[in-house]
Amino acid sequence: RALWMLNIQVGTQSISPLFWALETGSLFAAKAIIVDLLTIRADRDRYYYGVDILFERHPDVIKRLCLDAPGLLYTLLDGLIWRSRVTENGQRRVNYYI
């Protein structure tokens, strides 16, 4: 699923729908792609989280967002945080992926 939003083969060229949305100014589409990639999903066998594929395909995604769509940085960085639903002594475990 994540690869569909990050890599489309057109003839001999490889196009990223995420970067295409950024380049054409389709920020709502880019935001939807980022939110979808960074949603943690699970089935009976495993968990799915698109952060590894995102940074593998676009290691410069933060730089590109800074240049082309700084308003989407919050969306990206917010999606890189996992918050536990369990609290211990008033504290909650948080993992920040970057």
Protein backbone atom coordinates (compact mmCIF):
# COMPACT_ATOMS: atom_id res chain seq x y z
CA ARG A 1 0.00 0.00 0.00
CA ALA A 2 2.74 2.46 0.91
CA LEU A 3 4.61 1.79 -2.31
CA TRP A 4 1.53 2.83 -4.32
CA MET A 5 1.81 6.32 -2.81
CA LEU A 6 5.55 6.59 -3.27
CA ASN A 7 6.37 4.90 -6.55
CA ILE A 8 4.48 4.62 -9.82
CA GLN A 9 6.21 3.26 -12.90
CA VAL A 10 5.30 5.13 -16.10
CA GLY A 11 7.16 3.66 -19.01
CA THR A 12 10.80 3.85 -18.04
CA GLN A 13 10.30 6.61 -15.45
CA SER A 14 9.54 6.21 -11.77
CA ILE A 15 7.24 8.91 -10.35
CA SER A 16 6.40 9.61 -6.72
CA PRO A 17 2.77 10.68 -6.25
CA LEU A 18 3.79 12.41 -3.01
CA PHE A 19 6.48 14.55 -4.65
CA TRP A 20 4.27 15.12 -7.68
CA ALA A 21 1.56 16.49 -5.39
CA LEU A 22 4.11 18.78 -3.73
CA GLU A 23 5.51 20.02 -7.05
CA THR A 24 2.06 20.81 -8.47
CA GLY A 25 0.83 22.48 -5.29
CA SER A 26 -1.75 19.82 -4.45
CA LEU A 27 -1.13 20.16 -0.73
CA PHE A 28 -4.38 18.48 0.32
CA ALA A 29 -3.40 15.39 -1.68
CA ALA A 30 0.14 15.49 -0.25
CA LYS A 31 -1.26 15.76 3.28
CA ALA A 32 -3.60 12.80 2.68
CA ILE A 33 -0.68 10.72 1.43
CA ILE A 34 1.48 11.62 4.45
CA VAL A 35 -1.32 10.88 6.92
CA ASP A 36 -2.05 7.55 5.25
CA LEU A 37 1.62 6.53 5.16
CA LEU A 38 2.09 7.32 8.84
CA THR A 39 -1.01 5.53 10.11
CA ILE A 40 -0.14 2.38 12.04
CA ARG A 41 -2.21 -0.56 10.81
CA ALA A 42 -2.26 -4.21 11.79
CA ASP A 43 -3.67 -7.53 10.74
CA ARG A 44 -3.30 -10.96 12.31
CA ASP A 45 0.27 -11.38 11.12
CA ARG A 46 2.02 -8.03 11.41
CA TYR A 47 1.96 -4.27 11.84
CA TYR A 48 2.20 -1.85 8.93
CA TYR A 49 3.74 1.60 9.21
CA GLY A 50 4.99 3.43 6.12
CA VAL A 51 7.74 5.49 7.74
CA ASP A 52 10.57 3.16 6.68
CA ILE A 53 9.42 3.07 3.07
CA LEU A 54 8.88 6.85 3.08
CA PHE A 55 12.44 7.63 4.20
CA GLU A 56 13.89 4.86 2.04
CA ARG A 57 12.26 6.26 -1.11
CA HIS A 58 12.64 9.93 -0.14
CA PRO A 59 15.53 10.50 2.28
CA ASP A 60 15.18 14.22 1.54
CA VAL A 61 11.46 14.44 2.39
CA ILE A 62 11.97 16.89 5.27
CA LYS A 63 14.11 19.18 3.11
CA ARG A 64 11.51 19.04 0.31
CA LEU A 65 8.70 19.88 2.71
CA CYS A 66 10.71 22.81 4.07
CA LEU A 67 11.13 24.16 0.55
CA ASP A 68 7.81 23.29 -1.11
CA ALA A 69 5.25 22.93 1.68
CA PRO A 70 6.40 24.04 5.14
CA GLY A 71 2.82 23.82 6.37
CA LEU A 72 2.98 20.02 6.03
CA LEU A 73 5.98 19.65 8.34
CA TYR A 74 3.68 19.47 11.37
CA THR A 75 1.68 16.70 9.71
CA LEU A 76 4.82 14.70 8.98
CA LEU A 77 6.42 15.18 12.40
CA ASP A 78 3.14 14.48 14.21
CA GLY A 79 2.85 11.21 12.30
CA LEU A 80 6.31 10.14 13.47
CA ILE A 81 5.14 9.92 17.09
CA TRP A 82 3.60 6.83 18.68
CA ARG A 83 1.88 7.32 22.01
CA SER A 84 1.07 4.41 24.28
CA ARG A 85 -2.52 4.17 25.51
CA VAL A 86 -1.25 3.01 28.93
CA THR A 87 -0.08 5.47 31.58
CA GLU A 88 2.21 4.64 34.50
CA ASN A 89 2.59 7.10 37.36
CA GLY A 90 1.03 9.79 35.23
CA GLN A 91 3.49 9.24 32.38
CA ARG A 92 2.93 7.80 28.94
CA ARG A 93 5.51 6.02 26.80
CA VAL A 94 6.20 7.80 23.53
CA ASN A 95 8.35 6.65 20.60
CA TYR A 96 9.49 9.31 18.17
CA TYR A 97 10.63 8.00 14.78
CA ILE A 98 13.11 10.13 12.85
